[in-house]
Amino acid sequence: MPETPKIVCNNIWKIFGTYPERTLETIDRSLSRAEVQEQTGHVIAVKDVSFQINTGETFVVMGLSGSGKSTLVRCISRLINPTAGEMIIDGEDIMNYNEAQLTELRRFRMSMVFQHFGLFPHRKVIDNISFGLEIRGVAKQERREKATQVLEKVGLHGWADHYPRELSGGMQQRVGLARAMAVDPEILIFDEPFSALDPLIRREMQDELIKIQSEVQKTMIFITHDFLEAIKMGDHIAIMKDGEISQIGTPEEIVANPVDDYVRAFTEDVPRYKVLSVGKIMRAATDATRSNDAQKVSEDAKLDSLIDISIAANGPLAVVDSDNQIVGEIDQSMILKAMDTRS
């Protein structure tokens, strides 16, 4: 069964300036962002971007500061209105929504988690978490029960009646995550949520979100400027530069086949053997491998999981597909070569 797109962006443009629509109509679209700004005084923040996000996946938008990633994601909720293009959610172009429809979209179907926690200092943790439910008009007892359930899910048992000032930065971000989840949205948007945290806490929060996503299977959009975070969090990654998407793919596709020097620069320090699967580097199976009852490994297995197995094996490992059919072979020398980031 094909995956179902939850969000489809078609030819999205966002131009900042006095006359954005007129500028889009008249500019030479092959010009760079800098050239357009020099000629017109307008800034192209997002340039003709198209992609789709499947239901239940984590889609990462990454790039350096000023690449357009935050502007693009704000266009998805129309916190920023695109200059042109289609923004389709569940088959409906929300560019046609009026203010009441947009309010309903943001209040009932979509939540955001920001880098800055934005907690209410005068409200206890439980009341911060239940704020979105309060805005919806949910009764106090019901919203407290729901908030308590989410509190447990993000690992803050026992902290319901504390105030934000009594929590560490990592704990405050957990409250922000719980507040977004309490309204049970279909879409969760994260704008560099962990970038202000210490490295150890950041990794802990990444692991926590991955665990939660495995349980709730929401459609998540995650913004980051950190490629290691992107490949850890994302099912698919869109890498942006100067308002355009340079490449979209799975972490494995991007690490294995960067399309240009800009993308390649992000991948240089990535441990390739932790990202690449057997199927990406296997060779054709020989008759000997097919007939010698060689140990079998899945084509989807990551290389780092096979290091010990390949050392212990007497010969090549047989690579099998989802139907347990041999589709190739791999040996220790191939794995060790792939582990060399220079290869």
C-alpha atoms as a PDB file:
ATOM      1  CA  MET A   1       0.000   0.000   0.000  1.00  0.00           C
ATOM      2  CA  PRO A   2       1.476   3.407  -0.956  1.00  0.00           C
ATOM      3  CA  GLU A   3       2.183   5.855   1.829  1.00  0.00           C
ATOM      4  CA  THR A   4      -0.427   8.570   2.321  1.00  0.00           C
ATOM      5  CA  PRO A   5       0.768  12.167   2.096  1.00  0.00           C
ATOM      6  CA  LYS A   6      -0.411  14.250   5.030  1.00  0.00           C
ATOM      7  CA  ILE A   7       1.121  17.466   3.750  1.00  0.00           C
ATOM      8  CA  VAL A   8       1.899  18.444   0.162  1.00  0.00           C
ATOM      9  CA  CYS A   9       3.723  21.675  -0.668  1.00  0.00           C
ATOM     10  CA  ASN A  10       3.600  22.710  -4.311  1.00  0.00           C
ATOM     11  CA  ASN A  11       5.795  25.514  -5.685  1.00  0.00           C
ATOM     12  CA  ILE A  12       5.913  27.543  -2.485  1.00  0.00           C
ATOM     13  CA  TRP A  13       7.419  31.028  -2.709  1.00  0.00           C
ATOM     14  CA  LYS A  14       7.862  33.552   0.074  1.00  0.00           C
ATOM     15  CA  ILE A  15       9.201  36.979  -0.827  1.00  0.00           C
ATOM     16  CA  PHE A  16       9.650  39.706   1.769  1.00  0.00           C
ATOM     17  CA  GLY A  17       9.360  43.306   0.636  1.00  0.00           C
ATOM     18  CA  THR A  18       6.915  46.018  -0.378  1.00  0.00           C
ATOM     19  CA  TYR A  19       5.577  44.385  -3.543  1.00  0.00           C
ATOM     20  CA  PRO A  20       6.162  40.617  -3.266  1.00  0.00           C
ATOM     21  CA  GLU A  21       3.517  39.484  -5.768  1.00  0.00           C
ATOM     22  CA  ARG A  22       4.628  41.993  -8.403  1.00  0.00           C
ATOM     23  CA  THR A  23       8.261  41.040  -7.825  1.00  0.00           C
ATOM     24  CA  LEU A  24       7.477  37.355  -8.333  1.00  0.00           C
ATOM     25  CA  GLU A  25       5.643  38.139 -11.573  1.00  0.00           C
ATOM     26  CA  THR A  26       8.465  40.199 -13.042  1.00  0.00           C
ATOM     27  CA  ILE A  27      11.770  38.717 -11.825  1.00  0.00           C
ATOM     28  CA  ASP A  28      13.993  36.404 -13.790  1.00  0.00           C
ATOM     29  CA  ARG A  29      13.498  33.279 -11.700  1.00  0.00           C
ATOM     30  CA  SER A  30      16.946  31.973 -12.566  1.00  0.00           C
ATOM     31  CA  LEU A  31      18.550  34.803 -10.586  1.00  0.00           C
ATOM     32  CA  SER A  32      20.106  34.077  -7.212  1.00  0.00           C
ATOM     33  CA  ARG A  33      18.686  35.413  -3.964  1.00  0.00           C
ATOM     34  CA  ALA A  34      21.474  38.022  -3.764  1.00  0.00           C
ATOM     35  CA  GLU A  35      20.864  39.188  -7.347  1.00  0.00           C
ATOM     36  CA  VAL A  36      17.108  39.577  -6.768  1.00  0.00           C
ATOM     37  CA  GLN A  37      17.741  41.559  -3.594  1.00  0.00           C
ATOM     38  CA  GLU A  38      20.214  43.810  -5.373  1.00  0.00           C
ATOM     39  CA  GLN A  39      17.862  44.456  -8.284  1.00  0.00           C
ATOM     40  CA  THR A  40      14.538  44.770  -6.454  1.00  0.00           C
ATOM     41  CA  GLY A  41      15.190  45.296  -2.748  1.00  0.00           C
ATOM     42  CA  HIS A  42      13.089  42.201  -2.029  1.00  0.00           C
ATOM     43  CA  VAL A  43      14.301  39.083  -0.251  1.00  0.00           C
ATOM     44  CA  ILE A  44      13.430  35.596  -1.477  1.00  0.00           C
ATOM     45  CA  ALA A  45      13.091  33.554   1.707  1.00  0.00           C
ATOM     46  CA  VAL A  46      11.571  30.456   0.053  1.00  0.00           C
ATOM     47  CA  LYS A  47      12.055  29.792  -3.646  1.00  0.00           C
ATOM     48  CA  ASP A  48       9.750  27.429  -5.559  1.00  0.00           C
ATOM     49  CA  VAL A  49       9.803  24.640  -2.976  1.00  0.00           C
ATOM     50  CA  SER A  50       7.832  21.406  -3.456  1.00  0.00           C
ATOM     51  CA  PHE A  51       7.748  18.246  -1.314  1.00  0.00           C
ATOM     52  CA  GLN A  52       5.381  15.951   0.503  1.00  0.00           C
ATOM     53  CA  ILE A  53       5.294  14.580   4.029  1.00  0.00           C
ATOM     54  CA  ASN A  54       3.750  11.186   4.638  1.00  0.00           C
ATOM     55  CA  THR A  55       1.334  10.463   7.451  1.00  0.00           C
ATOM     56  CA  GLY A  56       3.155   9.392  10.617  1.00  0.00           C
ATOM     57  CA  GLU A  57       6.689  10.219   9.475  1.00  0.00           C
ATOM     58  CA  THR A  58       9.269  12.585  10.918  1.00  0.00           C
ATOM     59  CA  PHE A  59      10.306  15.015   8.190  1.00  0.00           C
ATOM     60  CA  VAL A  60      13.390  17.098   8.938  1.00  0.00           C
ATOM     61  CA  VAL A  61      14.059  20.482   7.357  1.00  0.00           C
ATOM     62  CA  MET A  62      17.684  21.466   7.853  1.00  0.00           C
ATOM     63  CA  GLY A  63      20.111  24.082   6.698  1.00  0.00           C
ATOM     64  CA  LEU A  64      22.393  26.819   7.917  1.00  0.00           C
ATOM     65  CA  SER A  65      21.140  30.046   9.461  1.00  0.00           C
ATOM     66  CA  GLY A  66      19.273  32.064   6.841  1.00  0.00           C
ATOM     67  CA  SER A  67      18.584  29.093   4.581  1.00  0.00           C
ATOM     68  CA  GLY A  68      14.808  29.592   4.811  1.00  0.00           C
ATOM     69  CA  LYS A  69      13.931  26.538   6.874  1.00  0.00           C
ATOM     70  CA  SER A  70      11.980  28.314   9.631  1.00  0.00           C
ATOM     71  CA  THR A  71      10.153  30.518   7.124  1.00  0.00           C
ATOM     72  CA  LEU A  72       9.167  27.453   5.105  1.00  0.00           C
ATOM     73  CA  VAL A  73       7.800  25.604   8.106  1.00  0.00           C
ATOM     74  CA  ARG A  74       5.850  28.656   9.254  1.00  0.00           C
ATOM     75  CA  CYS A  75       4.259  28.720   5.810  1.00  0.00           C
ATOM     76  CA  ILE A  76       2.870  25.245   6.519  1.00  0.00           C
ATOM     77  CA  SER A  77       0.731  26.616   9.344  1.00  0.00           C
ATOM     78  CA  ARG A  78       0.316  29.977   7.584  1.00  0.00           C
ATOM     79  CA  LEU A  79       1.849  31.789  10.515  1.00  0.00           C
ATOM     80  CA  ILE A  80       3.631  33.285   7.518  1.00  0.00           C
ATOM     81  CA  ASN A  81       1.563  33.542   4.354  1.00  0.00           C
ATOM     82  CA  PRO A  82       3.341  32.270   1.234  1.00  0.00           C
ATOM     83  CA  THR A  83       3.559  34.670  -1.674  1.00  0.00           C
ATOM     84  CA  ALA A  84       2.522  31.869  -4.042  1.00  0.00           C
ATOM     85  CA  GLY A  85       1.979  28.121  -4.151  1.00  0.00           C
ATOM     86  CA  GLU A  86      -0.238  25.428  -2.693  1.00  0.00           C
ATOM     87  CA  MET A  87      -0.100  24.220   0.905  1.00  0.00           C
ATOM     88  CA  ILE A  88      -2.232  21.104   1.052  1.00  0.00           C
ATOM     89  CA  ILE A  89      -3.123  19.269   4.270  1.00  0.00           C
ATOM     90  CA  ASP A  90      -5.318  16.188   4.082  1.00  0.00           C
ATOM     91  CA  GLY A  91      -6.235  17.060   0.504  1.00  0.00           C
ATOM     92  CA  GLU A  92      -7.309  20.650   1.250  1.00  0.00           C
ATOM     93  CA  ASP A  93      -5.360  23.710   0.146  1.00  0.00           C
ATOM     94  CA  ILE A  94      -5.161  25.759   3.336  1.00  0.00           C
ATOM     95  CA  MET A  95      -4.215  28.798   1.243  1.00  0.00           C
ATOM     96  CA  ASN A  96      -7.984  29.074   0.777  1.00  0.00           C
ATOM     97  CA  TYR A  97      -8.743  28.944   4.520  1.00  0.00           C
ATOM     98  CA  ASN A  98     -10.262  31.955   6.248  1.00  0.00           C
ATOM     99  CA  GLU A  99      -9.163  33.073   9.722  1.00  0.00           C
ATOM    100  CA  ALA A 100     -11.712  30.875  11.496  1.00  0.00           C
ATOM    101  CA  GLN A 101     -10.525  27.785   9.604  1.00  0.00           C
ATOM    102  CA  LEU A 102      -6.886  28.617  10.316  1.00  0.00           C
ATOM    103  CA  THR A 103      -7.652  29.038  14.020  1.00  0.00           C
ATOM    104  CA  GLU A 104      -9.318  25.639  14.070  1.00  0.00           C
ATOM    105  CA  LEU A 105      -6.355  24.079  12.215  1.00  0.00           C
ATOM    106  CA  ARG A 106      -3.832  25.459  14.708  1.00  0.00           C
ATOM    107  CA  ARG A 107      -5.965  24.777  17.769  1.00  0.00           C
ATOM    108  CA  PHE A 108      -7.151  21.240  17.006  1.00  0.00           C
ATOM    109  CA  ARG A 109      -4.879  19.642  14.410  1.00  0.00           C
ATOM    110  CA  MET A 110      -1.449  21.188  14.811  1.00  0.00           C
ATOM    111  CA  SER A 111       0.964  22.021  17.656  1.00  0.00           C
ATOM    112  CA  MET A 112       4.382  23.671  17.748  1.00  0.00           C
ATOM    113  CA  VAL A 113       7.409  23.286  20.026  1.00  0.00           C
ATOM    114  CA  PHE A 114       9.973  26.080  19.928  1.00  0.00           C
ATOM    115  CA  GLN A 115      13.587  26.500  20.989  1.00  0.00           C
ATOM    116  CA  HIS A 116      12.458  28.936  23.689  1.00  0.00           C
ATOM    117  CA  PHE A 117      10.091  27.090  25.962  1.00  0.00           C
ATOM    118  CA  GLY A 118       7.529  29.897  26.397  1.00  0.00           C
ATOM    119  CA  LEU A 119       6.144  28.495  29.636  1.00  0.00           C
ATOM    120  CA  PHE A 120       3.918  30.581  31.885  1.00  0.00           C
ATOM    121  CA  PRO A 121       6.041  31.246  35.005  1.00  0.00           C
ATOM    122  CA  HIS A 122       3.004  31.806  37.249  1.00  0.00           C
ATOM    123  CA  ARG A 123       1.390  28.487  36.275  1.00  0.00           C
ATOM    124  CA  LYS A 124       2.309  25.099  37.667  1.00  0.00           C
ATOM    125  CA  VAL A 125       3.646  22.428  35.312  1.00  0.00           C
ATOM    126  CA  ILE A 126       0.286  20.661  35.088  1.00  0.00           C
ATOM    127  CA  ASP A 127      -1.467  23.926  34.197  1.00  0.00           C
ATOM    128  CA  ASN A 128       1.130  24.791  31.561  1.00  0.00           C
ATOM    129  CA  ILE A 129       0.584  21.390  29.953  1.00  0.00           C
ATOM    130  CA  SER A 130      -3.204  21.702  29.995  1.00  0.00           C
ATOM    131  CA  PHE A 131      -3.271  25.248  28.615  1.00  0.00           C
ATOM    132  CA  GLY A 132      -4.226  24.216  25.074  1.00  0.00           C
ATOM    133  CA  LEU A 133      -7.089  22.132  26.436  1.00  0.00           C
ATOM    134  CA  GLU A 134      -8.214  25.087  28.531  1.00  0.00           C
ATOM    135  CA  ILE A 135      -8.317  27.255  25.401  1.00  0.00           C
ATOM    136  CA  ARG A 136     -10.520  24.604  23.797  1.00  0.00           C
ATOM    137  CA  GLY A 137     -12.954  24.828  26.719  1.00  0.00           C
ATOM    138  CA  VAL A 138     -12.262  21.350  28.113  1.00  0.00           C
ATOM    139  CA  ALA A 139     -13.507  20.888  31.690  1.00  0.00           C
ATOM    140  CA  LYS A 140     -10.870  21.246  34.418  1.00  0.00           C
ATOM    141  CA  GLN A 141     -10.969  17.639  35.617  1.00  0.00           C
ATOM    142  CA  GLU A 142     -10.721  16.206  32.111  1.00  0.00           C
ATOM    143  CA  ARG A 143      -7.851  18.445  31.073  1.00  0.00           C
ATOM    144  CA  ARG A 144      -5.962  17.641  34.283  1.00  0.00           C
ATOM    145  CA  GLU A 145      -6.381  13.916  33.615  1.00  0.00           C
ATOM    146  CA  LYS A 146      -5.103  14.275  30.032  1.00  0.00           C
ATOM    147  CA  ALA A 147      -2.229  16.481  31.123  1.00  0.00           C
ATOM    148  CA  THR A 148      -1.237  13.954  33.770  1.00  0.00           C
ATOM    149  CA  GLN A 149      -1.133  11.160  31.174  1.00  0.00           C
ATOM    150  CA  VAL A 150       1.157  13.187  28.929  1.00  0.00           C
ATOM    151  CA  LEU A 151       3.285  14.220  31.901  1.00  0.00           C
ATOM    152  CA  GLU A 152       4.030  10.558  32.531  1.00  0.00           C
ATOM    153  CA  LYS A 153       4.839   9.981  28.864  1.00  0.00           C
ATOM    154  CA  VAL A 154       7.555  12.670  28.813  1.00  0.00           C
ATOM    155  CA  GLY A 155       9.156  11.435  32.036  1.00  0.00           C
ATOM    156  CA  LEU A 156       8.042  14.146  34.479  1.00  0.00           C
ATOM    157  CA  HIS A 157       6.235  12.033  37.050  1.00  0.00           C
ATOM    158  CA  GLY A 158       6.022  13.894  40.352  1.00  0.00           C
ATOM    159  CA  TRP A 159       6.570  17.366  38.908  1.00  0.00           C
ATOM    160  CA  ALA A 160       2.949  18.336  38.219  1.00  0.00           C
ATOM    161  CA  ASP A 161       2.662  20.900  41.020  1.00  0.00           C
ATOM    162  CA  HIS A 162       6.044  22.563  40.552  1.00  0.00           C
ATOM    163  CA  TYR A 163       6.665  25.856  38.785  1.00  0.00           C
ATOM    164  CA  PRO A 164       8.858  26.231  35.656  1.00  0.00           C
ATOM    165  CA  ARG A 165      11.571  28.091  37.631  1.00  0.00           C
ATOM    166  CA  GLU A 166      12.115  24.923  39.658  1.00  0.00           C
ATOM    167  CA  LEU A 167      12.933  22.862  36.562  1.00  0.00           C
ATOM    168  CA  SER A 168      16.134  22.487  34.553  1.00  0.00           C
ATOM    169  CA  GLY A 169      16.238  23.529  30.898  1.00  0.00           C
ATOM    170  CA  GLY A 170      15.760  19.962  29.734  1.00  0.00           C
ATOM    171  CA  MET A 171      12.793  19.482  32.038  1.00  0.00           C
ATOM    172  CA  GLN A 172      11.241  22.732  30.852  1.00  0.00           C
ATOM    173  CA  GLN A 173      11.511  21.525  27.261  1.00  0.00           C
ATOM    174  CA  ARG A 174       9.779  18.317  28.306  1.00  0.00           C
ATOM    175  CA  VAL A 175       6.935  20.482  29.592  1.00  0.00           C
ATOM    176  CA  GLY A 176       6.847  22.257  26.240  1.00  0.00           C
ATOM    177  CA  LEU A 177       6.676  18.905  24.467  1.00  0.00           C
ATOM    178  CA  ALA A 178       3.943  17.689  26.820  1.00  0.00           C
ATOM    179  CA  ARG A 179       1.924  20.872  26.251  1.00  0.00           C
ATOM    180  CA  ALA A 180       2.062  20.303  22.489  1.00  0.00           C
ATOM    181  CA  MET A 181       1.069  16.646  22.835  1.00  0.00           C
ATOM    182  CA  ALA A 182      -1.739  17.183  25.342  1.00  0.00           C
ATOM    183  CA  VAL A 183      -4.124  18.429  22.651  1.00  0.00           C
ATOM    184  CA  ASP A 184      -3.465  15.240  20.661  1.00  0.00           C
ATOM    185  CA  PRO A 185      -2.595  17.014  17.386  1.00  0.00           C
ATOM    186  CA  GLU A 186      -2.273  15.294  14.039  1.00  0.00           C
ATOM    187  CA  ILE A 187       0.819  17.372  13.177  1.00  0.00           C
ATOM    188  CA  LEU A 188       3.673  18.350  15.505  1.00  0.00           C
ATOM    189  CA  ILE A 189       6.118  21.048  14.383  1.00  0.00           C
ATOM    190  CA  PHE A 190       9.476  21.426  16.154  1.00  0.00           C
ATOM    191  CA  ASP A 191      11.547  24.569  15.523  1.00  0.00           C
ATOM    192  CA  GLU A 192      15.100  23.751  16.706  1.00  0.00           C
ATOM    193  CA  PRO A 193      13.630  22.597  20.039  1.00  0.00           C
ATOM    194  CA  PHE A 194      16.848  21.211  21.537  1.00  0.00           C
ATOM    195  CA  SER A 195      19.471  23.648  20.256  1.00  0.00           C
ATOM    196  CA  ALA A 196      19.609  25.632  23.520  1.00  0.00           C
ATOM    197  CA  LEU A 197      20.226  22.509  25.617  1.00  0.00           C
ATOM    198  CA  ASP A 198      23.538  21.061  26.784  1.00  0.00           C
ATOM    199  CA  PRO A 199      24.814  18.243  24.509  1.00  0.00           C
ATOM    200  CA  LEU A 200      24.014  15.402  26.921  1.00  0.00           C
ATOM    201  CA  ILE A 201      20.509  16.710  27.614  1.00  0.00           C
ATOM    202  CA  ARG A 202      20.036  17.282  23.906  1.00  0.00           C
ATOM    203  CA  ARG A 203      20.799  13.641  23.086  1.00  0.00           C
ATOM    204  CA  GLU A 204      18.503  12.553  25.899  1.00  0.00           C
ATOM    205  CA  MET A 205      15.654  14.645  24.486  1.00  0.00           C
ATOM    206  CA  GLN A 206      16.273  13.315  20.974  1.00  0.00           C
ATOM    207  CA  ASP A 207      16.048   9.743  22.281  1.00  0.00           C
ATOM    208  CA  GLU A 208      12.919  10.609  24.254  1.00  0.00           C
ATOM    209  CA  LEU A 209      11.191  12.081  21.212  1.00  0.00           C
ATOM    210  CA  ILE A 210      12.133   9.088  19.049  1.00  0.00           C
ATOM    211  CA  LYS A 211      10.658   6.802  21.701  1.00  0.00           C
ATOM    212  CA  ILE A 212       7.469   8.847  21.934  1.00  0.00           C
ATOM    213  CA  GLN A 213       7.106   8.953  18.158  1.00  0.00           C
ATOM    214  CA  SER A 214       7.371   5.163  17.977  1.00  0.00           C
ATOM    215  CA  GLU A 215       4.319   5.043  20.245  1.00  0.00           C
ATOM    216  CA  VAL A 216       2.140   7.881  18.940  1.00  0.00           C
ATOM    217  CA  GLN A 217       3.087   7.930  15.211  1.00  0.00           C
ATOM    218  CA  LYS A 218       2.261  11.587  14.654  1.00  0.00           C
ATOM    219  CA  THR A 219       3.249  13.490  11.539  1.00  0.00           C
ATOM    220  CA  MET A 220       6.268  15.455  12.750  1.00  0.00           C
ATOM    221  CA  ILE A 221       8.177  18.300  11.111  1.00  0.00           C
ATOM    222  CA  PHE A 222      11.526  18.951  12.750  1.00  0.00           C
ATOM    223  CA  ILE A 223      13.755  21.965  12.008  1.00  0.00           C
ATOM    224  CA  THR A 224      17.462  21.821  12.790  1.00  0.00           C
ATOM    225  CA  HIS A 225      20.814  23.194  11.614  1.00  0.00           C
ATOM    226  CA  ASP A 226      22.623  20.088  12.931  1.00  0.00           C
ATOM    227  CA  PHE A 227      23.071  17.315  10.364  1.00  0.00           C
ATOM    228  CA  LEU A 228      23.814  14.648  12.979  1.00  0.00           C
ATOM    229  CA  GLU A 229      20.517  15.524  14.649  1.00  0.00           C
ATOM    230  CA  ALA A 230      18.786  15.448  11.272  1.00  0.00           C
ATOM    231  CA  ILE A 231      19.927  11.937  10.366  1.00  0.00           C
ATOM    232  CA  LYS A 232      19.076  10.698  13.843  1.00  0.00           C
ATOM    233  CA  MET A 233      15.567  12.134  13.901  1.00  0.00           C
ATOM    234  CA  GLY A 234      14.394  12.073  10.298  1.00  0.00           C
ATOM    235  CA  ASP A 235      12.672   9.531   8.101  1.00  0.00           C
ATOM    236  CA  HIS A 236      13.282  12.027   5.300  1.00  0.00           C
ATOM    237  CA  ILE A 237      15.455  15.149   5.265  1.00  0.00           C
ATOM    238  CA  ALA A 238      15.132  18.283   3.141  1.00  0.00           C
ATOM    239  CA  ILE A 239      18.378  20.261   3.031  1.00  0.00           C
ATOM    240  CA  MET A 240      17.909  23.959   2.263  1.00  0.00           C
ATOM    241  CA  LYS A 241      20.244  26.649   0.948  1.00  0.00           C
ATOM    242  CA  ASP A 242      19.298  30.226   0.011  1.00  0.00           C
ATOM    243  CA  GLY A 243      15.586  29.430   0.154  1.00  0.00           C
ATOM    244  CA  GLU A 244      15.790  26.393  -2.124  1.00  0.00           C
ATOM    245  CA  ILE A 245      15.888  22.670  -1.388  1.00  0.00           C
ATOM    246  CA  SER A 246      19.237  21.216  -2.410  1.00  0.00           C
ATOM    247  CA  GLN A 247      18.289  17.593  -1.747  1.00  0.00           C
ATOM    248  CA  ILE A 248      15.487  15.519  -0.246  1.00  0.00           C
ATOM    249  CA  GLY A 249      15.997  11.913   0.768  1.00  0.00           C
ATOM    250  CA  THR A 250      16.324   9.425   3.564  1.00  0.00           C
ATOM    251  CA  PRO A 251      19.379   9.857   5.795  1.00  0.00           C
ATOM    252  CA  GLU A 252      20.946   6.897   4.020  1.00  0.00           C
ATOM    253  CA  GLU A 253      20.310   8.305   0.543  1.00  0.00           C
ATOM    254  CA  ILE A 254      21.823  11.664   1.439  1.00  0.00           C
ATOM    255  CA  VAL A 255      24.909  10.218   3.134  1.00  0.00           C
ATOM    256  CA  ALA A 256      25.476   7.715   0.319  1.00  0.00           C
ATOM    257  CA  ASN A 257      24.783  10.088  -2.586  1.00  0.00           C
ATOM    258  CA  PRO A 258      25.085  13.803  -1.754  1.00  0.00           C
ATOM    259  CA  VAL A 259      24.028  15.796  -4.816  1.00  0.00           C
ATOM    260  CA  ASP A 260      26.533  18.650  -4.525  1.00  0.00           C
ATOM    261  CA  ASP A 261      29.399  20.080  -2.500  1.00  0.00           C
ATOM    262  CA  TYR A 262      27.025  21.908  -0.146  1.00  0.00           C
ATOM    263  CA  VAL A 263      25.295  18.689   0.893  1.00  0.00           C
ATOM    264  CA  ARG A 264      28.579  16.759   0.838  1.00  0.00           C
ATOM    265  CA  ALA A 265      30.045  19.166   3.400  1.00  0.00           C
ATOM    266  CA  PHE A 266      27.330  18.156   5.883  1.00  0.00           C
ATOM    267  CA  THR A 267      28.026  14.452   5.406  1.00  0.00           C
ATOM    268  CA  GLU A 268      31.818  14.516   5.747  1.00  0.00           C
ATOM    269  CA  ASP A 269      31.959  13.853   9.484  1.00  0.00           C
ATOM    270  CA  VAL A 270      29.068  11.394   9.639  1.00  0.00           C
ATOM    271  CA  PRO A 271      29.957   7.804  10.651  1.00  0.00           C
ATOM    272  CA  ARG A 272      28.751   6.257   7.392  1.00  0.00           C
ATOM    273  CA  TYR A 273      28.608   2.726   8.801  1.00  0.00           C
ATOM    274  CA  LYS A 274      25.951   3.877  11.300  1.00  0.00           C
ATOM    275  CA  VAL A 275      23.738   5.199   8.501  1.00  0.00           C
ATOM    276  CA  LEU A 276      24.362   2.920   5.514  1.00  0.00           C
ATOM    277  CA  SER A 277      22.535  -0.365   5.181  1.00  0.00           C
ATOM    278  CA  VAL A 278      23.878  -3.594   3.732  1.00  0.00           C
ATOM    279  CA  GLY A 279      21.838  -3.178   0.575  1.00  0.00           C
ATOM    280  CA  LYS A 280      23.745  -0.012  -0.335  1.00  0.00           C
ATOM    281  CA  ILE A 281      27.160  -1.674  -0.566  1.00  0.00           C
ATOM    282  CA  MET A 282      26.516  -5.385  -1.200  1.00  0.00           C
ATOM    283  CA  ARG A 283      27.808  -7.086  -4.340  1.00  0.00           C
ATOM    284  CA  ALA A 284      26.172  -9.786  -6.423  1.00  0.00           C
ATOM    285  CA  ALA A 285      26.029 -13.142  -4.663  1.00  0.00           C
ATOM    286  CA  THR A 286      28.366 -15.818  -5.973  1.00  0.00           C
ATOM    287  CA  ASP A 287      27.305 -19.418  -6.510  1.00  0.00           C
ATOM    288  CA  ALA A 288      29.477 -20.377  -3.547  1.00  0.00           C
ATOM    289  CA  THR A 289      27.564 -18.074  -1.221  1.00  0.00           C
ATOM    290  CA  ARG A 290      24.243 -19.356  -2.528  1.00  0.00           C
ATOM    291  CA  SER A 291      25.216 -23.022  -2.088  1.00  0.00           C
ATOM    292  CA  ASN A 292      27.336 -22.984   1.089  1.00  0.00           C
ATOM    293  CA  ASP A 293      24.563 -22.174   3.540  1.00  0.00           C
ATOM    294  CA  ALA A 294      26.203 -18.868   4.402  1.00  0.00           C
ATOM    295  CA  GLN A 295      24.912 -16.885   7.349  1.00  0.00           C
ATOM    296  CA  LYS A 296      22.097 -14.586   6.260  1.00  0.00           C
ATOM    297  CA  VAL A 297      21.665 -10.898   7.060  1.00  0.00           C
ATOM    298  CA  SER A 298      18.913  -8.479   6.050  1.00  0.00           C
ATOM    299  CA  GLU A 299      19.581  -5.967   3.284  1.00  0.00           C
ATOM    300  CA  ASP A 300      18.131  -3.323   5.639  1.00  0.00           C
ATOM    301  CA  ALA A 301      20.615  -4.040   8.460  1.00  0.00           C
ATOM    302  CA  LYS A 302      22.989  -1.191   9.323  1.00  0.00           C
ATOM    303  CA  LEU A 303      26.652  -1.901   8.769  1.00  0.00           C
ATOM    304  CA  ASP A 304      27.648  -1.242  12.373  1.00  0.00           C
ATOM    305  CA  SER A 305      25.468  -4.159  13.501  1.00  0.00           C
ATOM    306  CA  LEU A 306      27.473  -6.587  11.321  1.00  0.00           C
ATOM    307  CA  ILE A 307      31.046  -5.831  12.344  1.00  0.00           C
ATOM    308  CA  ASP A 308      31.325  -8.659  14.890  1.00  0.00           C
ATOM    309  CA  ILE A 309      29.294 -11.052  12.721  1.00  0.00           C
ATOM    310  CA  SER A 310      31.518 -10.492   9.687  1.00  0.00           C
ATOM    311  CA  ILE A 311      34.685 -11.039  11.722  1.00  0.00           C
ATOM    312  CA  ALA A 312      33.386 -14.348  13.074  1.00  0.00           C
ATOM    313  CA  ALA A 313      32.188 -15.595   9.676  1.00  0.00           C
ATOM    314  CA  ASN A 314      34.390 -17.869   7.577  1.00  0.00           C
ATOM    315  CA  GLY A 315      33.332 -16.203   4.350  1.00  0.00           C
ATOM    316  CA  PRO A 316      30.871 -13.716   2.876  1.00  0.00           C
ATOM    317  CA  LEU A 317      27.482 -13.181   4.482  1.00  0.00           C
ATOM    318  CA  ALA A 318      24.428 -13.819   2.324  1.00  0.00           C
ATOM    319  CA  VAL A 319      22.187 -10.753   2.019  1.00  0.00           C
ATOM    320  CA  VAL A 320      18.455 -11.474   1.909  1.00  0.00           C
ATOM    321  CA  ASP A 321      15.392  -9.363   1.121  1.00  0.00           C
ATOM    322  CA  SER A 322      12.092  -9.251   3.013  1.00  0.00           C
ATOM    323  CA  ASP A 323      11.091 -12.571   1.426  1.00  0.00           C
ATOM    324  CA  ASN A 324      14.307 -14.211   2.697  1.00  0.00           C
ATOM    325  CA  GLN A 325      15.619 -14.517  -0.860  1.00  0.00           C
ATOM    326  CA  ILE A 326      19.362 -14.039  -1.390  1.00  0.00           C
ATOM    327  CA  VAL A 327      19.951 -10.781  -3.262  1.00  0.00           C
ATOM    328  CA  GLY A 328      23.675 -10.297  -2.706  1.00  0.00           C
ATOM    329  CA  GLU A 329      26.634 -10.838  -0.410  1.00  0.00           C
ATOM    330  CA  ILE A 330      28.909  -8.802   1.834  1.00  0.00           C
ATOM    331  CA  ASP A 331      32.175  -9.532   3.619  1.00  0.00           C
ATOM    332  CA  GLN A 332      34.360  -7.995   6.301  1.00  0.00           C
ATOM    333  CA  SER A 333      36.592  -6.054   3.886  1.00  0.00           C
ATOM    334  CA  MET A 334      33.561  -4.314   2.350  1.00  0.00           C
ATOM    335  CA  ILE A 335      32.276  -3.280   5.767  1.00  0.00           C
ATOM    336  CA  LEU A 336      35.682  -1.985   6.873  1.00  0.00           C
ATOM    337  CA  LYS A 337      36.015   0.015   3.656  1.00  0.00           C
ATOM    338  CA  ALA A 338      32.600   1.580   4.224  1.00  0.00           C
ATOM    339  CA  MET A 339      33.668   2.507   7.759  1.00  0.00           C
ATOM    340  CA  ASP A 340      36.411   4.681   6.304  1.00  0.00           C
ATOM    341  CA  THR A 341      34.773   8.113   5.994  1.00  0.00           C
ATOM    342  CA  ARG A 342      37.214   8.986   3.210  1.00  0.00           C
ATOM    343  CA  SER A 343      35.782   6.289   0.924  1.00  0.00           C
END
